Amino acid sequence: MPRKKGKGESIKNKEENNKGHENKKKSQKKAKLSDEEFNNFVTSISNEIIDRFGLDLINLSPNDIKDLVEEIITSIVESRVTKPSEESLMKKFVNLKDQFMKAVAARLIERDEIDSRDRVEFIIAYAPEFAGKAAPKLYKIVKKINAPDLIENLRQLWNNYGNRTPIRCPVCGFNSVMPDMNCIVCGAILDEKDIKKDINLKDQLVNLRKIYNNSLLEEIVNSGYIIYDGEIKPPSLQEKDKISVKLHLSKEEKSILLNLLRRNV
């Protein structure tokens, strides 16, 4: 007569069965790809992507994108229970095309592999936020390859995604002048005369009567300088958390303000 299983033995067997089931599930979750199959997929898909996504137009080869293709295939395979086919993998790449192209653009920027107009245009098209942040680097490249028509695109992207400042550089036209009067895009080292000329300071001083009362105009005259942060301000109205430059007034510029004050007496 068979021995009746005790309660403790029954629980133990149940736990062992559960463990076996869990191990089986874990093994099922691992991709059933040999190294040879994986490498073949990487090579074949890299070749197809170059042609299908038009990356040959910016002179990229399959070897240039293999590491990215490997990362994506690894991610896809790890999330599958069954072995993927090359066709199913390629469909994933087509669905992820925009993200893939953005990753390619980021790689070109990181590795300083931008040596043609086509590559600059590619980065602007597929990774505009990266292009905006990398505008100082791309500006120099655009100047070097003589593609001035792309500069306006870079200016717009800099305004949207870059480290935009309120002060325009009269050399490159980007809003990129820092308090030390250096331009962080083109590298120009400016002086006060450059900025005064660019903002038409004398004309703006004449219009200050419409903006400030006598007390604030007198403050500017007595201090001998203005704060410029995209707007002309007396020192007392400087915003500490806003990038600005200090512009000292010449005798002629002070006289413009003194004349405004005399007219109002």
C-alpha atoms as a PDB file:
ATOM      1  CA  MET A   1       0.000   0.000   0.000  1.00  0.00           C
ATOM      2  CA  PRO A   2       1.553   3.392  -1.087  1.00  0.00           C
ATOM      3  CA  ARG A   3       2.680   5.664   1.681  1.00  0.00           C
ATOM      4  CA  LYS A   4       0.523   8.716   2.183  1.00  0.00           C
ATOM      5  CA  LYS A   5       2.442  11.942   1.650  1.00  0.00           C
ATOM      6  CA  GLY A   6       2.808  14.132   4.683  1.00  0.00           C
ATOM      7  CA  LYS A   7       1.764  17.770   4.566  1.00  0.00           C
ATOM      8  CA  GLY A   8       5.349  18.980   4.761  1.00  0.00           C
ATOM      9  CA  GLU A   9       6.473  16.740   1.910  1.00  0.00           C
ATOM     10  CA  SER A  10       3.573  17.915  -0.240  1.00  0.00           C
ATOM     11  CA  ILE A  11       4.543  21.566   0.269  1.00  0.00           C
ATOM     12  CA  LYS A  12       8.185  20.775  -0.494  1.00  0.00           C
ATOM     13  CA  ASN A  13       7.274  19.055  -3.748  1.00  0.00           C
ATOM     14  CA  LYS A  14       5.058  21.996  -4.672  1.00  0.00           C
ATOM     15  CA  GLU A  15       7.894  24.449  -4.083  1.00  0.00           C
ATOM     16  CA  GLU A  16      10.247  22.357  -6.197  1.00  0.00           C
ATOM     17  CA  ASN A  17       7.692  22.252  -9.001  1.00  0.00           C
ATOM     18  CA  ASN A  18       7.262  26.035  -8.793  1.00  0.00           C
ATOM     19  CA  LYS A  19      11.025  26.535  -8.911  1.00  0.00           C
ATOM     20  CA  GLY A  20      11.277  24.268 -11.896  1.00  0.00           C
ATOM     21  CA  HIS A  21       8.492  26.170 -13.620  1.00  0.00           C
ATOM     22  CA  GLU A  22      10.183  29.502 -12.890  1.00  0.00           C
ATOM     23  CA  ASN A  23      13.534  28.253 -14.196  1.00  0.00           C
ATOM     24  CA  LYS A  24      11.809  27.015 -17.311  1.00  0.00           C
ATOM     25  CA  LYS A  25      10.188  30.444 -17.815  1.00  0.00           C
ATOM     26  CA  LYS A  26      13.527  32.174 -17.333  1.00  0.00           C
ATOM     27  CA  SER A  27      15.197  29.928 -19.870  1.00  0.00           C
ATOM     28  CA  GLN A  28      12.374  30.602 -22.282  1.00  0.00           C
ATOM     29  CA  LYS A  29      12.909  34.352 -21.931  1.00  0.00           C
ATOM     30  CA  LYS A  30      16.508  34.072 -23.070  1.00  0.00           C
ATOM     31  CA  ALA A  31      16.947  34.509 -26.802  1.00  0.00           C
ATOM     32  CA  LYS A  32      17.859  31.343 -28.671  1.00  0.00           C
ATOM     33  CA  LEU A  33      20.499  33.016 -30.887  1.00  0.00           C
ATOM     34  CA  SER A  34      23.981  31.670 -31.389  1.00  0.00           C
ATOM     35  CA  ASP A  35      26.867  34.106 -31.761  1.00  0.00           C
ATOM     36  CA  GLU A  36      27.005  33.270 -35.432  1.00  0.00           C
ATOM     37  CA  GLU A  37      23.291  33.997 -35.931  1.00  0.00           C
ATOM     38  CA  PHE A  38      23.563  37.250 -34.000  1.00  0.00           C
ATOM     39  CA  ASN A  39      26.576  38.448 -36.013  1.00  0.00           C
ATOM     40  CA  ASN A  40      24.887  37.488 -39.274  1.00  0.00           C
ATOM     41  CA  PHE A  41      21.796  39.502 -38.323  1.00  0.00           C
ATOM     42  CA  VAL A  42      23.948  42.526 -37.412  1.00  0.00           C
ATOM     43  CA  THR A  43      25.864  42.410 -40.678  1.00  0.00           C
ATOM     44  CA  SER A  44      22.829  41.850 -42.881  1.00  0.00           C
ATOM     45  CA  ILE A  45      20.642  44.487 -41.202  1.00  0.00           C
ATOM     46  CA  SER A  46      23.474  47.063 -41.148  1.00  0.00           C
ATOM     47  CA  ASN A  47      23.870  46.615 -44.907  1.00  0.00           C
ATOM     48  CA  GLU A  48      20.142  46.951 -45.527  1.00  0.00           C
ATOM     49  CA  ILE A  49      19.728  50.026 -43.306  1.00  0.00           C
ATOM     50  CA  ILE A  50      22.493  51.918 -45.129  1.00  0.00           C
ATOM     51  CA  ASP A  51      20.578  51.605 -48.405  1.00  0.00           C
ATOM     52  CA  ARG A  52      17.022  51.675 -47.069  1.00  0.00           C
ATOM     53  CA  PHE A  53      17.494  54.720 -44.801  1.00  0.00           C
ATOM     54  CA  GLY A  54      19.671  56.573 -47.312  1.00  0.00           C
ATOM     55  CA  LEU A  55      22.683  56.745 -45.014  1.00  0.00           C
ATOM     56  CA  ASP A  56      24.945  56.135 -47.986  1.00  0.00           C
ATOM     57  CA  LEU A  57      24.053  59.696 -49.050  1.00  0.00           C
ATOM     58  CA  ILE A  58      26.034  61.030 -46.090  1.00  0.00           C
ATOM     59  CA  ASN A  59      28.888  58.616 -46.814  1.00  0.00           C
ATOM     60  CA  LEU A  60      28.243  56.185 -43.975  1.00  0.00           C
ATOM     61  CA  SER A  61      29.118  52.528 -44.353  1.00  0.00           C
ATOM     62  CA  PRO A  62      27.641  49.469 -42.601  1.00  0.00           C
ATOM     63  CA  ASN A  63      30.658  49.409 -40.277  1.00  0.00           C
ATOM     64  CA  ASP A  64      29.832  52.959 -39.121  1.00  0.00           C
ATOM     65  CA  ILE A  65      26.467  51.887 -37.700  1.00  0.00           C
ATOM     66  CA  LYS A  66      27.179  48.295 -36.630  1.00  0.00           C
ATOM     67  CA  ASP A  67      27.542  49.129 -32.937  1.00  0.00           C
ATOM     68  CA  LEU A  68      24.158  50.896 -32.893  1.00  0.00           C
ATOM     69  CA  VAL A  69      22.548  47.993 -34.742  1.00  0.00           C
ATOM     70  CA  GLU A  70      24.065  45.556 -32.232  1.00  0.00           C
ATOM     71  CA  GLU A  71      22.631  47.524 -29.287  1.00  0.00           C
ATOM     72  CA  ILE A  72      19.136  47.581 -30.750  1.00  0.00           C
ATOM     73  CA  ILE A  73      19.124  43.910 -31.788  1.00  0.00           C
ATOM     74  CA  THR A  74      20.342  42.943 -28.317  1.00  0.00           C
ATOM     75  CA  SER A  75      17.514  44.938 -26.732  1.00  0.00           C
ATOM     76  CA  ILE A  76      14.914  43.388 -29.053  1.00  0.00           C
ATOM     77  CA  VAL A  77      16.174  39.845 -28.558  1.00  0.00           C
ATOM     78  CA  GLU A  78      16.276  40.156 -24.758  1.00  0.00           C
ATOM     79  CA  SER A  79      12.604  41.115 -24.719  1.00  0.00           C
ATOM     80  CA  ARG A  80      11.493  38.109 -26.765  1.00  0.00           C
ATOM     81  CA  VAL A  81      10.649  34.553 -25.773  1.00  0.00           C
ATOM     82  CA  THR A  82      11.063  33.088 -29.247  1.00  0.00           C
ATOM     83  CA  LYS A  83      13.892  33.416 -31.723  1.00  0.00           C
ATOM     84  CA  PRO A  84      13.397  36.461 -33.994  1.00  0.00           C
ATOM     85  CA  SER A  85      13.664  36.344 -37.752  1.00  0.00           C
ATOM     86  CA  GLU A  86      15.667  38.839 -39.772  1.00  0.00           C
ATOM     87  CA  GLU A  87      12.419  40.128 -41.273  1.00  0.00           C
ATOM     88  CA  SER A  88      10.866  40.782 -37.857  1.00  0.00           C
ATOM     89  CA  LEU A  89      14.027  42.558 -36.697  1.00  0.00           C
ATOM     90  CA  MET A  90      14.074  44.755 -39.791  1.00  0.00           C
ATOM     91  CA  LYS A  91      10.440  45.716 -39.195  1.00  0.00           C
ATOM     92  CA  LYS A  92      11.443  46.907 -35.724  1.00  0.00           C
ATOM     93  CA  PHE A  93      14.187  49.061 -37.218  1.00  0.00           C
ATOM     94  CA  VAL A  94      11.736  50.589 -39.704  1.00  0.00           C
ATOM     95  CA  ASN A  95       9.366  51.401 -36.833  1.00  0.00           C
ATOM     96  CA  LEU A  96      12.268  52.917 -34.900  1.00  0.00           C
ATOM     97  CA  LYS A  97      13.700  54.804 -37.867  1.00  0.00           C
ATOM     98  CA  ASP A  98      13.405  58.322 -36.388  1.00  0.00           C
ATOM     99  CA  GLN A  99      15.021  57.264 -33.113  1.00  0.00           C
ATOM    100  CA  PHE A 100      17.748  55.406 -35.003  1.00  0.00           C
ATOM    101  CA  MET A 101      18.521  58.375 -37.240  1.00  0.00           C
ATOM    102  CA  LYS A 102      18.643  60.650 -34.196  1.00  0.00           C
ATOM    103  CA  ALA A 103      21.124  58.273 -32.569  1.00  0.00           C
ATOM    104  CA  VAL A 104      23.260  58.355 -35.720  1.00  0.00           C
ATOM    105  CA  ALA A 105      23.181  62.171 -35.687  1.00  0.00           C
ATOM    106  CA  ALA A 106      24.191  62.269 -32.029  1.00  0.00           C
ATOM    107  CA  ARG A 107      27.064  59.906 -32.773  1.00  0.00           C
ATOM    108  CA  LEU A 108      28.341  62.146 -35.572  1.00  0.00           C
ATOM    109  CA  ILE A 109      28.371  65.119 -33.199  1.00  0.00           C
ATOM    110  CA  GLU A 110      30.042  63.218 -30.351  1.00  0.00           C
ATOM    111  CA  ARG A 111      32.769  61.841 -32.600  1.00  0.00           C
ATOM    112  CA  ASP A 112      33.379  65.065 -34.524  1.00  0.00           C
ATOM    113  CA  GLU A 113      32.591  63.281 -37.778  1.00  0.00           C
ATOM    114  CA  ILE A 114      30.846  66.201 -39.488  1.00  0.00           C
ATOM    115  CA  ASP A 115      32.801  67.087 -42.578  1.00  0.00           C
ATOM    116  CA  SER A 116      30.180  67.902 -45.189  1.00  0.00           C
ATOM    117  CA  ARG A 117      27.063  69.929 -45.855  1.00  0.00           C
ATOM    118  CA  ASP A 118      25.061  66.706 -46.189  1.00  0.00           C
ATOM    119  CA  ARG A 119      25.928  65.666 -42.652  1.00  0.00           C
ATOM    120  CA  VAL A 120      25.047  69.065 -41.206  1.00  0.00           C
ATOM    121  CA  GLU A 121      21.694  68.966 -42.992  1.00  0.00           C
ATOM    122  CA  PHE A 122      21.144  65.410 -41.742  1.00  0.00           C
ATOM    123  CA  ILE A 123      21.706  66.471 -38.129  1.00  0.00           C
ATOM    124  CA  ILE A 124      19.427  69.502 -38.489  1.00  0.00           C
ATOM    125  CA  ALA A 125      16.675  67.330 -40.004  1.00  0.00           C
ATOM    126  CA  TYR A 126      16.771  64.335 -37.659  1.00  0.00           C
ATOM    127  CA  ALA A 127      18.116  65.797 -34.410  1.00  0.00           C
ATOM    128  CA  PRO A 128      17.198  69.498 -34.292  1.00  0.00           C
ATOM    129  CA  GLU A 129      17.547  69.688 -30.508  1.00  0.00           C
ATOM    130  CA  PHE A 130      21.066  68.231 -30.707  1.00  0.00           C
ATOM    131  CA  ALA A 131      21.903  70.640 -33.542  1.00  0.00           C
ATOM    132  CA  GLY A 132      20.709  73.559 -31.432  1.00  0.00           C
ATOM    133  CA  LYS A 133      22.831  72.573 -28.460  1.00  0.00           C
ATOM    134  CA  ALA A 134      25.825  71.888 -30.712  1.00  0.00           C
ATOM    135  CA  ALA A 135      25.438  75.153 -32.650  1.00  0.00           C
ATOM    136  CA  PRO A 136      28.900  76.473 -31.630  1.00  0.00           C
ATOM    137  CA  LYS A 137      30.528  73.363 -33.134  1.00  0.00           C
ATOM    138  CA  LEU A 138      28.258  73.273 -36.203  1.00  0.00           C
ATOM    139  CA  TYR A 139      28.683  77.016 -36.846  1.00  0.00           C
ATOM    140  CA  LYS A 140      32.441  76.596 -37.212  1.00  0.00           C
ATOM    141  CA  ILE A 141      31.930  73.635 -39.562  1.00  0.00           C
ATOM    142  CA  VAL A 142      29.388  75.524 -41.675  1.00  0.00           C
ATOM    143  CA  LYS A 143      31.817  78.427 -41.996  1.00  0.00           C
ATOM    144  CA  LYS A 144      34.636  76.052 -42.911  1.00  0.00           C
ATOM    145  CA  ILE A 145      32.669  74.251 -45.642  1.00  0.00           C
ATOM    146  CA  ASN A 146      31.239  77.571 -46.883  1.00  0.00           C
ATOM    147  CA  ALA A 147      27.533  76.844 -46.375  1.00  0.00           C
ATOM    148  CA  PRO A 148      26.294  80.219 -45.055  1.00  0.00           C
ATOM    149  CA  ASP A 149      22.654  79.465 -45.913  1.00  0.00           C
ATOM    150  CA  LEU A 150      22.591  76.918 -43.084  1.00  0.00           C
ATOM    151  CA  ILE A 151      23.545  79.522 -40.482  1.00  0.00           C
ATOM    152  CA  GLU A 152      19.989  80.861 -40.181  1.00  0.00           C
ATOM    153  CA  ASN A 153      18.750  77.311 -39.497  1.00  0.00           C
ATOM    154  CA  LEU A 154      21.317  77.010 -36.740  1.00  0.00           C
ATOM    155  CA  ARG A 155      20.297  80.381 -35.270  1.00  0.00           C
ATOM    156  CA  GLN A 156      16.692  79.267 -34.983  1.00  0.00           C
ATOM    157  CA  LEU A 157      17.670  75.962 -33.393  1.00  0.00           C
ATOM    158  CA  TRP A 158      20.042  77.763 -31.010  1.00  0.00           C
ATOM    159  CA  ASN A 159      17.170  79.991 -29.897  1.00  0.00           C
ATOM    160  CA  ASN A 160      14.966  76.949 -29.320  1.00  0.00           C
ATOM    161  CA  TYR A 161      17.412  74.490 -27.770  1.00  0.00           C
ATOM    162  CA  GLY A 162      20.758  76.158 -27.107  1.00  0.00           C
ATOM    163  CA  ASN A 163      22.188  78.306 -24.337  1.00  0.00           C
ATOM    164  CA  ARG A 164      20.581  81.455 -25.729  1.00  0.00           C
ATOM    165  CA  THR A 165      21.459  84.802 -24.152  1.00  0.00           C
ATOM    166  CA  PRO A 166      19.592  88.121 -24.474  1.00  0.00           C
ATOM    167  CA  ILE A 167      22.550  89.755 -26.212  1.00  0.00           C
ATOM    168  CA  ARG A 168      23.126  89.346 -29.926  1.00  0.00           C
ATOM    169  CA  CYS A 169      26.639  88.918 -31.277  1.00  0.00           C
ATOM    170  CA  PRO A 170      27.256  91.431 -34.075  1.00  0.00           C
ATOM    171  CA  VAL A 171      29.766  89.038 -35.685  1.00  0.00           C
ATOM    172  CA  CYS A 172      27.713  85.830 -36.073  1.00  0.00           C
ATOM    173  CA  GLY A 173      24.196  87.112 -35.356  1.00  0.00           C
ATOM    174  CA  PHE A 174      23.468  84.548 -32.623  1.00  0.00           C
ATOM    175  CA  ASN A 175      22.104  85.549 -29.232  1.00  0.00           C
ATOM    176  CA  SER A 176      25.212  84.219 -27.551  1.00  0.00           C
ATOM    177  CA  VAL A 177      27.144  87.033 -25.836  1.00  0.00           C
ATOM    178  CA  MET A 178      28.106  86.434 -22.208  1.00  0.00           C
ATOM    179  CA  PRO A 179      28.708  89.059 -19.477  1.00  0.00           C
ATOM    180  CA  ASP A 180      32.439  89.045 -20.281  1.00  0.00           C
ATOM    181  CA  MET A 181      31.447  90.091 -23.832  1.00  0.00           C
ATOM    182  CA  ASN A 182      32.722  86.886 -25.391  1.00  0.00           C
ATOM    183  CA  CYS A 183      30.530  85.063 -27.907  1.00  0.00           C
ATOM    184  CA  ILE A 184      30.057  81.391 -27.055  1.00  0.00           C
ATOM    185  CA  VAL A 185      29.115  80.494 -30.651  1.00  0.00           C
ATOM    186  CA  CYS A 186      31.712  82.107 -32.895  1.00  0.00           C
ATOM    187  CA  GLY A 187      34.288  82.907 -30.217  1.00  0.00           C
ATOM    188  CA  ALA A 188      34.413  86.635 -30.979  1.00  0.00           C
ATOM    189  CA  ILE A 189      35.842  88.838 -28.220  1.00  0.00           C
ATOM    190  CA  LEU A 190      33.753  91.999 -28.295  1.00  0.00           C
ATOM    191  CA  ASP A 191      34.067  95.430 -26.754  1.00  0.00           C
ATOM    192  CA  GLU A 192      31.380  97.871 -25.685  1.00  0.00           C
ATOM    193  CA  LYS A 193      31.526  99.792 -28.971  1.00  0.00           C
ATOM    194  CA  ASP A 194      30.567  96.652 -30.908  1.00  0.00           C
ATOM    195  CA  ILE A 195      27.424  96.097 -28.865  1.00  0.00           C
ATOM    196  CA  LYS A 196      26.493  99.792 -28.781  1.00  0.00           C
ATOM    197  CA  LYS A 197      26.632  99.939 -32.557  1.00  0.00           C
ATOM    198  CA  ASP A 198      24.674  96.711 -32.954  1.00  0.00           C
ATOM    199  CA  ILE A 199      21.797  97.875 -30.748  1.00  0.00           C
ATOM    200  CA  ASN A 200      21.810 101.495 -32.030  1.00  0.00           C
ATOM    201  CA  LEU A 201      22.353 102.734 -28.497  1.00  0.00           C
ATOM    202  CA  LYS A 202      22.026 106.455 -29.248  1.00  0.00           C
ATOM    203  CA  ASP A 203      18.607 105.970 -30.834  1.00  0.00           C
ATOM    204  CA  GLN A 204      17.502 103.822 -27.929  1.00  0.00           C
ATOM    205  CA  LEU A 205      18.649 106.435 -25.397  1.00  0.00           C
ATOM    206  CA  VAL A 206      16.409 109.015 -27.054  1.00  0.00           C
ATOM    207  CA  ASN A 207      13.429 106.707 -26.534  1.00  0.00           C
ATOM    208  CA  LEU A 208      14.102 106.186 -22.832  1.00  0.00           C
ATOM    209  CA  ARG A 209      11.901 109.191 -22.030  1.00  0.00           C
ATOM    210  CA  LYS A 210       8.900 106.983 -22.917  1.00  0.00           C
ATOM    211  CA  ILE A 211      10.093 104.235 -20.570  1.00  0.00           C
ATOM    212  CA  TYR A 212      11.661 105.770 -17.446  1.00  0.00           C
ATOM    213  CA  ASN A 213      10.884 108.705 -15.188  1.00  0.00           C
ATOM    214  CA  ASN A 214      13.352 111.497 -14.371  1.00  0.00           C
ATOM    215  CA  SER A 215      14.661 109.724 -11.292  1.00  0.00           C
ATOM    216  CA  LEU A 216      15.744 106.652 -13.255  1.00  0.00           C
ATOM    217  CA  LEU A 217      17.204 108.752 -16.082  1.00  0.00           C
ATOM    218  CA  GLU A 218      19.233 110.703 -13.527  1.00  0.00           C
ATOM    219  CA  GLU A 219      20.411 107.412 -12.034  1.00  0.00           C
ATOM    220  CA  ILE A 220      21.823 106.382 -15.400  1.00  0.00           C
ATOM    221  CA  VAL A 221      23.578 109.738 -15.896  1.00  0.00           C
ATOM    222  CA  ASN A 222      25.040 109.724 -12.376  1.00  0.00           C
ATOM    223  CA  SER A 223      26.198 106.097 -12.527  1.00  0.00           C
ATOM    224  CA  GLY A 224      27.683 106.614 -15.984  1.00  0.00           C
ATOM    225  CA  TYR A 225      26.536 103.271 -17.394  1.00  0.00           C
ATOM    226  CA  ILE A 226      23.520 101.227 -18.399  1.00  0.00           C
ATOM    227  CA  ILE A 227      22.680  97.552 -18.003  1.00  0.00           C
ATOM    228  CA  TYR A 228      21.785  95.820 -21.259  1.00  0.00           C
ATOM    229  CA  ASP A 229      19.992  92.456 -21.167  1.00  0.00           C
ATOM    230  CA  GLY A 230      18.045  92.838 -24.374  1.00  0.00           C
ATOM    231  CA  GLU A 231      16.637  96.044 -22.897  1.00  0.00           C
ATOM    232  CA  ILE A 232      18.347  99.178 -21.613  1.00  0.00           C
ATOM    233  CA  LYS A 233      18.037  99.491 -17.840  1.00  0.00           C
ATOM    234  CA  PRO A 234      19.409 101.657 -15.041  1.00  0.00           C
ATOM    235  CA  PRO A 235      21.692  99.770 -12.602  1.00  0.00           C
ATOM    236  CA  SER A 236      18.956  99.507  -9.938  1.00  0.00           C
ATOM    237  CA  LEU A 237      16.743  97.470 -12.281  1.00  0.00           C
ATOM    238  CA  GLN A 238      19.363  94.854 -13.128  1.00  0.00           C
ATOM    239  CA  GLU A 239      17.989  91.315 -12.823  1.00  0.00           C
ATOM    240  CA  LYS A 240      20.584  89.213 -11.033  1.00  0.00           C
ATOM    241  CA  ASP A 241      19.484  85.933 -12.616  1.00  0.00           C
ATOM    242  CA  LYS A 242      19.525  87.313 -16.178  1.00  0.00           C
ATOM    243  CA  ILE A 243      22.614  87.533 -18.375  1.00  0.00           C
ATOM    244  CA  SER A 244      23.539  91.145 -19.055  1.00  0.00           C
ATOM    245  CA  VAL A 245      26.438  93.431 -19.930  1.00  0.00           C
ATOM    246  CA  LYS A 246      27.459  96.781 -18.528  1.00  0.00           C
ATOM    247  CA  LEU A 247      27.854  99.556 -21.133  1.00  0.00           C
ATOM    248  CA  HIS A 248      29.600 102.749 -20.052  1.00  0.00           C
ATOM    249  CA  LEU A 249      28.259 105.985 -21.539  1.00  0.00           C
ATOM    250  CA  SER A 250      30.372 108.439 -23.476  1.00  0.00           C
ATOM    251  CA  LYS A 251      29.994 112.196 -23.019  1.00  0.00           C
ATOM    252  CA  GLU A 252      27.844 112.329 -26.132  1.00  0.00           C
ATOM    253  CA  GLU A 253      25.587 109.549 -24.854  1.00  0.00           C
ATOM    254  CA  LYS A 254      25.219 111.225 -21.462  1.00  0.00           C
ATOM    255  CA  SER A 255      24.339 114.492 -23.158  1.00  0.00           C
ATOM    256  CA  ILE A 256      21.401 112.790 -24.898  1.00  0.00           C
ATOM    257  CA  LEU A 257      19.943 111.897 -21.499  1.00  0.00           C
ATOM    258  CA  LEU A 258      20.727 115.335 -20.028  1.00  0.00           C
ATOM    259  CA  ASN A 259      18.849 116.952 -22.912  1.00  0.00           C
ATOM    260  CA  LEU A 260      15.845 114.724 -22.202  1.00  0.00           C
ATOM    261  CA  LEU A 261      15.900 115.802 -18.571  1.00  0.00           C
ATOM    262  CA  ARG A 262      16.176 119.521 -19.448  1.00  0.00           C
ATOM    263  CA  ARG A 263      13.200 119.294 -21.798  1.00  0.00           C
ATOM    264  CA  ASN A 264      11.145 117.877 -18.991  1.00  0.00           C
ATOM    265  CA  VAL A 265      11.960 120.627 -16.481  1.00  0.00           C
END
